[in-house]
Amino acid sequence: MSHPFAIIVGAGPCGLLLALLLAKAGLEVQLVDAGNELDNQPRATHYGPEAVEQLDRAEVLSDILAQGFIPHGVAWRKPSGEVIAELPTTTLTTSVKHPLICLPLNKLGKILHDHLLKQPQASILWGHRVTHDEEQAIVEVDAQGTSKTLAATYVIGCDGANSQVRKSLFGDMEFPGWTWDEQIVATNTYYPFDKHGFTDSNFVISREHWYMAARISNDGPWRVTYGEVPGLTKAEYLERQAWKFEVMLPGNPKADEWRCVNFSPYKIHQRLAPSLRQGKVLLAGDAAHLCNPFGGLGLTGGILDVGGLYDCLNGIATGRADESILDRYSDVRRKLYRDFTDPISTENMRRLCKRDPDKVLEEDTFLQMINESKHDPEVAAQLSEGSKGLVHDFTQYYK
């Protein structure tokens, strides 16, 4: 009995993108997900130029541009709103092909899903929860109470932070790293930040009332993600929201001056799986590694995992690479997380919540570079390299 080239577990953006790339290359893929439909939670929003390039490879960029927008700038501010450092996004994209793009992740998922449905080589199995996985590319799933066994040449876990594929390989507790003490709350909130002089993306530095406010569409709510005291219930965080917003948002608004449409407290982590390959089973995206959301490196890194893994798998399928390229995938993507994603995202978070806003510019070379870039083209060029540090061309290992 024939089986697909790949079973991809998890119909989030990473799983959908990998399925679409493989299907467009003529390879049969089966996407399985425990849910009954796409996750409609807004979640992450910003895609670096290197991630946008991978989305362009999948031929979905025109749809993304039609629904998203290109942010104009990012600023770091004191709690008063005073600018500490400000960077036009044009500085970040001077040496790259694609712009930085903003589109809520649930909308990207819908675009990828709609394109995938047009591919005859692809199928999606909803309501299929992986219960066991092993190195031989066989997965056991529970489909509404019925146990099934699915097989493929490869299994790829794109099933997120609580990945069952990863747990099957390494155990429930084996996801090395650490959890931040800080509690964050992500919201989508209607409030006219632009009328208070805010640019499209803003990081307000404060040890007590730190937050990020970012425009996520041209005419909709803003993403307001802020720090809170740890250890409370969701209901208790909701009770505190009006006070927090009045204290920290520009203009000190009362509760009737803003409208929150999404509210999600969560903990954040810096974690990396022991390996991204075990036999015929591979990991990508949040199933492979986690970082805090400030700077968008988790999302960009996950999409670049997918682009690299696609090149590896397509190389094997077309005879241009042998399976040793998958060890390269694991080693390289883990090294890029350790050397780039983890330290930079960690510093992004610390800058926001552990620095004195009145002294941070004296102490922080990154913020100093931002201000220097306005009149020094060489510094601007350094900044525009951005997340290029996460890119790796696996086709160089083809035969």
Protein backbone atom coordinates (compact mmCIF):
# COMPACT_ATOMS: atom_id res chain seq x y z
CA MET A 1 0.00 0.00 0.00
CA SER A 2 1.44 3.38 -0.97
CA HIS A 3 1.85 6.11 1.60
CA PRO A 4 2.52 9.85 1.35
CA PHE A 5 5.98 11.35 1.23
CA ALA A 6 5.31 13.30 4.42
CA ILE A 7 2.86 13.43 7.29
CA ILE A 8 2.94 16.91 8.79
CA VAL A 9 1.48 17.19 12.28
CA GLY A 10 -0.05 20.58 13.06
CA ALA A 11 -2.06 22.87 10.77
CA GLY A 12 -0.54 26.09 12.03
CA PRO A 13 1.32 28.39 9.66
CA CYS A 14 4.55 26.36 9.76
CA GLY A 15 2.77 23.09 8.99
CA LEU A 16 0.61 24.68 6.30
CA LEU A 17 3.60 26.39 4.66
CA LEU A 18 5.68 23.21 4.59
CA ALA A 19 2.75 21.22 3.20
CA LEU A 20 2.18 23.83 0.50
CA LEU A 21 5.84 23.94 -0.55
CA LEU A 22 6.11 20.15 -0.73
CA ALA A 23 2.80 19.76 -2.58
CA LYS A 24 3.80 22.40 -5.12
CA ALA A 25 6.95 20.34 -5.73
CA GLY A 26 4.75 17.36 -6.61
CA LEU A 27 5.20 15.46 -3.34
CA GLU A 28 2.22 13.87 -1.60
CA VAL A 29 1.62 15.30 1.85
CA GLN A 30 -0.92 14.56 4.57
CA LEU A 31 -1.53 17.28 7.15
CA VAL A 32 -3.08 16.12 10.42
CA ASP A 33 -4.37 18.31 13.24
CA ALA A 34 -6.11 17.62 16.54
CA GLY A 35 -8.51 20.52 16.03
CA ASN A 36 -11.54 20.62 13.79
CA GLU A 37 -10.62 23.87 12.05
CA LEU A 38 -7.89 26.48 11.80
CA ASP A 39 -6.86 28.20 15.02
CA ASN A 40 -8.45 31.66 14.84
CA GLN A 41 -6.45 33.22 17.69
CA PRO A 42 -4.57 36.29 16.37
CA ARG A 43 -1.17 35.52 17.97
CA ALA A 44 2.01 36.78 16.25
CA THR A 45 1.83 39.46 13.58
CA HIS A 46 5.19 40.58 12.14
CA TYR A 47 7.27 38.80 9.50
CA GLY A 48 10.88 39.79 8.85
CA PRO A 49 12.09 40.15 5.24
CA GLU A 50 13.74 36.72 5.33
CA ALA A 51 10.46 35.07 6.39
CA VAL A 52 8.59 37.00 3.70
CA GLU A 53 10.99 35.54 1.12
CA GLN A 54 9.92 32.01 2.12
CA LEU A 55 6.26 32.98 1.84
CA ASP A 56 7.00 34.36 -1.61
CA ARG A 57 8.46 30.96 -2.59
CA ALA A 58 5.05 29.47 -1.80
CA GLU A 59 3.42 32.05 -4.13
CA VAL A 60 1.17 33.55 -1.45
CA LEU A 61 2.79 36.97 -1.12
CA SER A 62 0.25 38.88 -3.21
CA ASP A 63 -2.57 37.67 -0.93
CA ILE A 64 -0.55 38.57 2.16
CA LEU A 65 0.13 42.09 0.88
CA ALA A 66 -3.55 42.53 0.01
CA GLN A 67 -4.64 41.71 3.58
CA GLY A 68 -1.65 42.98 5.58
CA PHE A 69 0.38 46.16 5.59
CA ILE A 70 3.97 47.37 5.72
CA PRO A 71 4.76 49.13 9.04
CA HIS A 72 6.53 52.48 8.85
CA GLY A 73 8.70 52.46 11.94
CA VAL A 74 9.57 51.22 15.41
CA ALA A 75 10.33 53.28 18.52
CA TRP A 76 11.59 52.65 22.04
CA ARG A 77 10.02 55.01 24.55
CA LYS A 78 10.01 56.09 28.17
CA PRO A 79 6.75 55.60 30.12
CA SER A 80 5.96 59.26 29.40
CA GLY A 81 5.97 58.46 25.67
CA GLU A 82 9.25 60.32 25.09
CA VAL A 83 11.26 58.67 22.31
CA ILE A 84 14.55 57.05 23.34
CA ALA A 85 15.38 55.68 19.88
CA GLU A 86 13.41 55.43 16.65
CA LEU A 87 14.02 53.46 13.48
CA PRO A 88 12.17 53.74 10.14
CA THR A 89 11.49 50.26 8.74
CA THR A 90 13.10 51.39 5.49
CA THR A 91 16.43 51.23 7.36
CA LEU A 92 15.76 47.57 8.12
CA THR A 93 15.09 46.68 4.49
CA THR A 94 17.70 48.61 2.51
CA SER A 95 19.71 45.49 1.62
CA VAL A 96 16.92 42.93 1.27
CA LYS A 97 14.45 42.01 -1.45
CA HIS A 98 11.29 42.01 0.66
CA PRO A 99 9.77 44.38 3.24
CA LEU A 100 8.80 43.73 6.82
CA ILE A 101 5.10 42.79 6.70
CA CYS A 102 2.40 42.78 9.36
CA LEU A 103 -0.52 40.34 9.18
CA PRO A 104 -2.11 38.50 12.13
CA LEU A 105 -1.08 34.85 12.10
CA ASN A 106 -4.63 33.54 11.87
CA LYS A 107 -5.08 35.43 8.59
CA LEU A 108 -1.84 33.99 7.23
CA GLY A 109 -3.08 30.53 8.18
CA LYS A 110 -6.29 31.05 6.20
CA ILE A 111 -4.32 32.18 3.13
CA LEU A 112 -2.00 29.16 3.28
CA HIS A 113 -4.94 26.81 3.90
CA ASP A 114 -6.88 28.12 0.91
CA HIS A 115 -3.86 27.67 -1.36
CA LEU A 116 -3.20 24.18 0.01
CA LEU A 117 -6.76 23.06 -0.79
CA LYS A 118 -5.99 23.69 -4.47
CA GLN A 119 -3.11 21.20 -4.44
CA PRO A 120 -4.08 17.67 -5.58
CA GLN A 121 -1.04 16.24 -3.76
CA ALA A 122 -2.22 17.49 -0.37
CA SER A 123 -4.89 16.32 2.08
CA ILE A 124 -5.88 17.56 5.54
CA LEU A 125 -7.20 15.31 8.31
CA TRP A 126 -8.96 17.34 11.00
CA GLY A 127 -9.79 15.90 14.41
CA HIS A 128 -6.76 13.59 14.37
CA ARG A 129 -4.76 13.82 17.58
CA VAL A 130 -1.35 12.17 17.61
CA THR A 131 -1.09 9.76 20.54
CA HIS A 132 2.23 8.13 19.71
CA ASP A 133 5.10 8.64 17.33
CA GLU A 134 8.37 6.84 16.72
CA GLU A 135 11.49 7.18 14.62
CA GLN A 136 10.09 5.03 11.78
CA ALA A 137 7.67 7.70 10.48
CA ILE A 138 4.59 5.94 11.81
CA VAL A 139 2.10 7.91 13.89
CA GLU A 140 -0.80 6.66 15.92
CA VAL A 141 -3.73 9.05 16.01
CA ASP A 142 -7.02 9.25 17.81
CA ALA A 143 -9.76 10.29 15.38
CA GLN A 144 -12.91 10.97 17.41
CA GLY A 145 -12.43 7.87 19.54
CA THR A 146 -11.10 5.62 16.79
CA SER A 147 -7.43 4.66 16.82
CA LYS A 148 -5.59 4.79 13.49
CA THR A 149 -2.04 4.21 12.33
CA LEU A 150 -0.67 6.49 9.62
CA ALA A 151 2.61 6.00 7.79
CA ALA A 152 4.78 8.11 5.50
CA THR A 153 8.37 8.38 4.36
CA TYR A 154 8.82 11.24 6.85
CA VAL A 155 6.88 12.71 9.76
CA ILE A 156 7.34 16.39 10.60
CA GLY A 157 6.16 17.82 13.91
CA CYS A 158 4.91 21.37 13.43
CA ASP A 159 2.49 20.98 16.32
CA GLY A 160 3.59 23.88 18.48
CA ALA A 161 5.00 24.41 21.96
CA ASN A 162 3.16 21.42 23.43
CA SER A 163 4.18 19.19 20.51
CA GLN A 164 3.09 15.58 20.91
CA VAL A 165 5.62 14.60 18.26
CA ARG A 166 8.46 16.06 20.33
CA LYS A 167 7.11 14.49 23.52
CA SER A 168 6.92 11.08 21.82
CA LEU A 169 10.58 11.37 20.83
CA PHE A 170 12.07 12.83 24.00
CA GLY A 171 9.49 12.49 26.79
CA ASP A 172 6.94 14.90 28.22
CA MET A 173 9.42 16.96 30.22
CA GLU A 174 12.43 17.03 27.88
CA PHE A 175 12.41 20.51 26.34
CA PRO A 176 15.64 22.08 27.67
CA GLY A 177 15.62 25.75 28.56
CA TRP A 178 13.83 28.00 31.00
CA THR A 179 10.66 29.95 31.69
CA TRP A 180 10.63 33.71 32.31
CA ASP A 181 9.42 34.81 35.72
CA GLU A 182 7.61 37.67 34.02
CA GLN A 183 3.94 37.27 33.15
CA ILE A 184 2.71 38.80 29.92
CA VAL A 185 -0.79 39.56 28.69
CA ALA A 186 -1.45 39.85 24.96
CA THR A 187 -4.47 41.89 23.88
CA ASN A 188 -6.00 43.31 20.74
CA THR A 189 -7.25 46.75 21.72
CA TYR A 190 -8.94 49.61 19.91
CA TYR A 191 -7.23 52.82 21.03
CA PRO A 192 -5.91 55.78 18.97
CA PHE A 193 -2.19 55.44 19.74
CA ASP A 194 -1.35 57.40 16.59
CA LYS A 195 -3.16 60.45 17.98
CA HIS A 196 -0.66 60.37 20.84
CA GLY A 197 2.32 60.41 18.47
CA PHE A 198 3.02 56.68 18.50
CA THR A 199 4.53 55.09 15.40
CA ASP A 200 3.44 51.68 14.06
CA SER A 201 5.50 49.64 16.58
CA ASN A 202 6.42 50.88 20.06
CA PHE A 203 8.32 49.37 22.99
CA VAL A 204 7.78 51.22 26.26
CA ILE A 205 10.64 50.52 28.66
CA SER A 206 9.73 50.32 32.35
CA ARG A 207 10.49 47.97 35.21
CA GLU A 208 6.85 48.01 36.31
CA HIS A 209 4.64 49.08 33.39
CA TRP A 210 6.50 47.82 30.31
CA TYR A 211 4.57 47.05 27.16
CA MET A 212 4.53 46.87 23.39
CA ALA A 213 1.91 48.63 21.28
CA ALA A 214 1.86 47.75 17.58
CA ARG A 215 -0.56 48.53 14.81
CA ILE A 216 -1.66 45.19 13.29
CA SER A 217 -3.94 46.47 10.53
CA ASN A 218 -4.67 49.77 8.85
CA ASP A 219 -8.04 50.27 10.50
CA GLY A 220 -8.41 47.67 13.26
CA PRO A 221 -7.19 47.11 16.83
CA TRP A 222 -3.61 47.45 18.03
CA ARG A 223 -1.69 44.61 19.63
CA VAL A 224 -0.96 45.68 23.20
CA THR A 225 1.21 43.16 25.03
CA TYR A 226 2.20 44.10 28.56
CA GLY A 227 3.84 42.82 31.70
CA GLU A 228 1.88 41.84 34.78
CA VAL A 229 2.56 40.48 38.24
CA PRO A 230 2.85 36.68 38.11
CA GLY A 231 0.58 34.16 39.77
CA LEU A 232 -2.92 35.57 39.23
CA THR A 233 -5.89 34.01 37.45
CA LYS A 234 -7.16 35.24 34.11
CA ALA A 235 -10.15 36.79 35.88
CA GLU A 236 -7.83 38.68 38.23
CA TYR A 237 -5.77 39.99 35.31
CA LEU A 238 -8.98 41.16 33.66
CA GLU A 239 -9.95 43.00 36.84
CA ARG A 240 -6.60 44.83 36.79
CA GLN A 241 -6.68 45.73 33.09
CA ALA A 242 -8.50 49.06 33.39
CA TRP A 243 -6.04 50.24 36.06
CA LYS A 244 -3.04 49.03 34.05
CA PHE A 245 -4.20 50.76 30.88
CA GLU A 246 -4.94 54.02 32.67
CA VAL A 247 -1.49 54.02 34.26
CA MET A 248 0.57 52.97 31.26
CA LEU A 249 -1.11 53.92 27.96
CA PRO A 250 -0.53 57.38 26.46
CA GLY A 251 -3.24 59.82 27.54
CA ASN A 252 -4.02 57.71 30.65
CA PRO A 253 -7.40 56.60 29.26
CA LYS A 254 -10.41 55.60 31.31
CA ALA A 255 -12.04 52.24 30.59
CA ASP A 256 -14.65 53.75 28.26
CA GLU A 257 -11.92 55.18 25.99
CA TRP A 258 -10.57 51.84 24.74
CA ARG A 259 -12.08 48.51 23.71
CA CYS A 260 -10.30 45.19 24.15
CA VAL A 261 -11.41 42.38 21.82
CA ASN A 262 -8.82 39.70 22.68
CA PHE A 263 -7.22 39.06 26.08
CA SER A 264 -4.69 36.27 26.62
CA PRO A 265 -2.34 35.95 29.61
CA TYR A 266 0.53 33.53 29.05
CA LYS A 267 4.01 32.56 30.19
CA ILE A 268 7.02 32.81 27.90
CA HIS A 269 9.95 30.47 27.46
CA GLN A 270 13.41 30.09 25.94
CA ARG A 271 13.67 26.41 24.98
CA LEU A 272 15.32 24.18 22.37
CA ALA A 273 14.64 20.51 21.61
CA PRO A 274 17.60 18.10 22.06
CA SER A 275 17.53 17.40 18.32
CA LEU A 276 15.35 18.35 15.36
CA ARG A 277 15.79 14.89 13.83
CA GLN A 278 15.27 11.39 15.14
CA GLY A 279 15.35 8.88 12.30
CA LYS A 280 12.52 9.71 9.91
CA VAL A 281 10.93 12.23 12.28
CA LEU A 282 11.72 15.95 12.21
CA LEU A 283 10.69 19.07 14.14
CA ALA A 284 10.18 22.67 13.02
CA GLY A 285 8.83 25.93 14.46
CA ASP A 286 7.57 26.08 18.05
CA ALA A 287 7.73 22.29 18.30
CA ALA A 288 11.51 22.68 17.95
CA HIS A 289 12.23 25.87 19.88
CA LEU A 290 10.59 28.71 21.80
CA CYS A 291 11.51 32.29 22.55
CA ASN A 292 9.74 35.37 23.85
CA PRO A 293 7.70 37.32 21.25
CA PHE A 294 9.57 40.65 21.33
CA GLY A 295 11.32 41.09 18.02
CA GLY A 296 9.36 38.44 16.14
CA LEU A 297 12.26 35.98 16.08
CA GLY A 298 10.16 32.94 17.00
CA LEU A 299 7.86 33.37 14.02
CA THR A 300 10.61 34.35 11.59
CA GLY A 301 12.81 31.49 12.82
CA GLY A 302 9.99 28.98 12.46
CA ILE A 303 9.28 30.03 8.89
CA LEU A 304 13.00 29.80 8.08
CA ASP A 305 13.05 26.29 9.61
CA VAL A 306 10.34 25.38 7.14
CA GLY A 307 12.15 26.87 4.15
CA GLY A 308 15.34 25.03 5.04
CA LEU A 309 13.58 21.74 5.76
CA TYR A 310 11.71 21.99 2.45
CA ASP A 311 15.04 22.32 0.61
CA CYS A 312 16.39 19.27 2.46
CA LEU A 313 13.34 17.07 1.83
CA ASN A 314 12.95 18.16 -1.78
CA GLY A 315 16.65 17.49 -2.32
CA ILE A 316 16.21 13.93 -1.02
CA ALA A 317 13.05 13.36 -3.09
CA THR A 318 14.75 14.47 -6.30
CA GLY A 319 17.97 12.55 -5.68
CA ARG A 320 20.10 15.66 -5.20
CA ALA A 321 20.77 14.96 -1.51
CA ASP A 322 20.99 11.96 0.78
CA GLU A 323 19.45 11.69 4.24
CA SER A 324 22.56 13.07 5.94
CA ILE A 325 21.29 16.51 4.93
CA LEU A 326 18.62 16.10 7.62
CA ASP A 327 21.34 15.91 10.28
CA ARG A 328 22.69 19.16 8.83
CA TYR A 329 19.19 20.64 9.16
CA SER A 330 19.04 19.70 12.84
CA ASP A 331 22.56 20.83 13.66
CA VAL A 332 22.39 24.13 11.76
CA ARG A 333 18.93 25.23 12.88
CA ARG A 334 19.76 24.41 16.52
CA LYS A 335 23.02 26.36 16.28
CA LEU A 336 21.22 29.36 14.78
CA TYR A 337 18.77 29.28 17.68
CA ARG A 338 21.59 29.15 20.24
CA ASP A 339 23.76 31.79 18.55
CA PHE A 340 21.09 34.21 17.30
CA THR A 341 17.47 33.69 18.31
CA ASP A 342 17.98 32.94 22.00
CA PRO A 343 20.48 35.69 22.92
CA ILE A 344 18.88 38.42 20.82
CA SER A 345 15.30 37.70 21.87
CA THR A 346 16.47 37.48 25.50
CA GLU A 347 18.11 40.90 25.26
CA ASN A 348 14.99 42.31 23.56
CA MET A 349 12.94 41.22 26.56
CA ARG A 350 15.43 42.42 29.15
CA ARG A 351 15.71 45.81 27.47
CA LEU A 352 11.95 46.18 27.81
CA CYS A 353 11.41 45.09 31.40
CA LYS A 354 14.70 45.23 33.30
CA ARG A 355 16.33 48.49 32.22
CA ASP A 356 16.01 52.00 33.63
CA PRO A 357 14.35 54.06 30.87
CA ASP A 358 16.37 57.13 31.91
CA LYS A 359 19.71 55.31 31.61
CA VAL A 360 19.11 52.68 28.93
CA LEU A 361 20.42 54.79 26.05
CA GLU A 362 23.75 55.28 27.84
CA GLU A 363 24.10 51.54 28.41
CA ASP A 364 22.56 49.89 25.33
CA THR A 365 24.73 49.77 22.20
CA PHE A 366 21.81 48.56 20.07
CA LEU A 367 19.73 51.66 20.82
CA GLN A 368 22.80 53.80 20.26
CA MET A 369 23.25 52.19 16.82
CA ILE A 370 19.64 52.98 15.95
CA ASN A 371 20.15 56.66 16.60
CA GLU A 372 23.52 56.66 14.79
CA SER A 373 21.93 54.99 11.74
CA LYS A 374 20.06 58.21 10.93
CA HIS A 375 23.30 59.86 9.83
CA ASP A 376 25.71 56.94 9.32
CA PRO A 377 25.00 54.72 6.26
CA GLU A 378 27.40 52.02 7.49
CA VAL A 379 25.52 51.62 10.76
CA ALA A 380 22.22 51.60 8.85
CA ALA A 381 23.61 48.82 6.65
CA GLN A 382 24.55 46.81 9.76
CA LEU A 383 21.01 47.13 11.12
CA SER A 384 19.50 46.13 7.78
CA GLU A 385 21.28 42.78 8.04
CA GLY A 386 18.67 42.06 10.73
CA SER A 387 17.48 38.47 10.80
CA LYS A 388 19.78 37.44 7.95
CA GLY A 389 21.64 35.71 10.77
CA LEU A 390 18.82 33.15 10.83
CA VAL A 391 19.15 32.26 7.14
CA HIS A 392 21.00 29.17 5.91
CA ASP A 393 21.05 27.78 2.37
CA PHE A 394 20.80 23.99 2.58
CA THR A 395 21.00 23.55 -1.19
CA GLN A 396 24.78 24.00 -0.83
CA TYR A 397 24.84 20.42 0.46
CA TYR A 398 23.24 18.98 -2.67
CA LYS A 399 25.36 16.47 -4.59
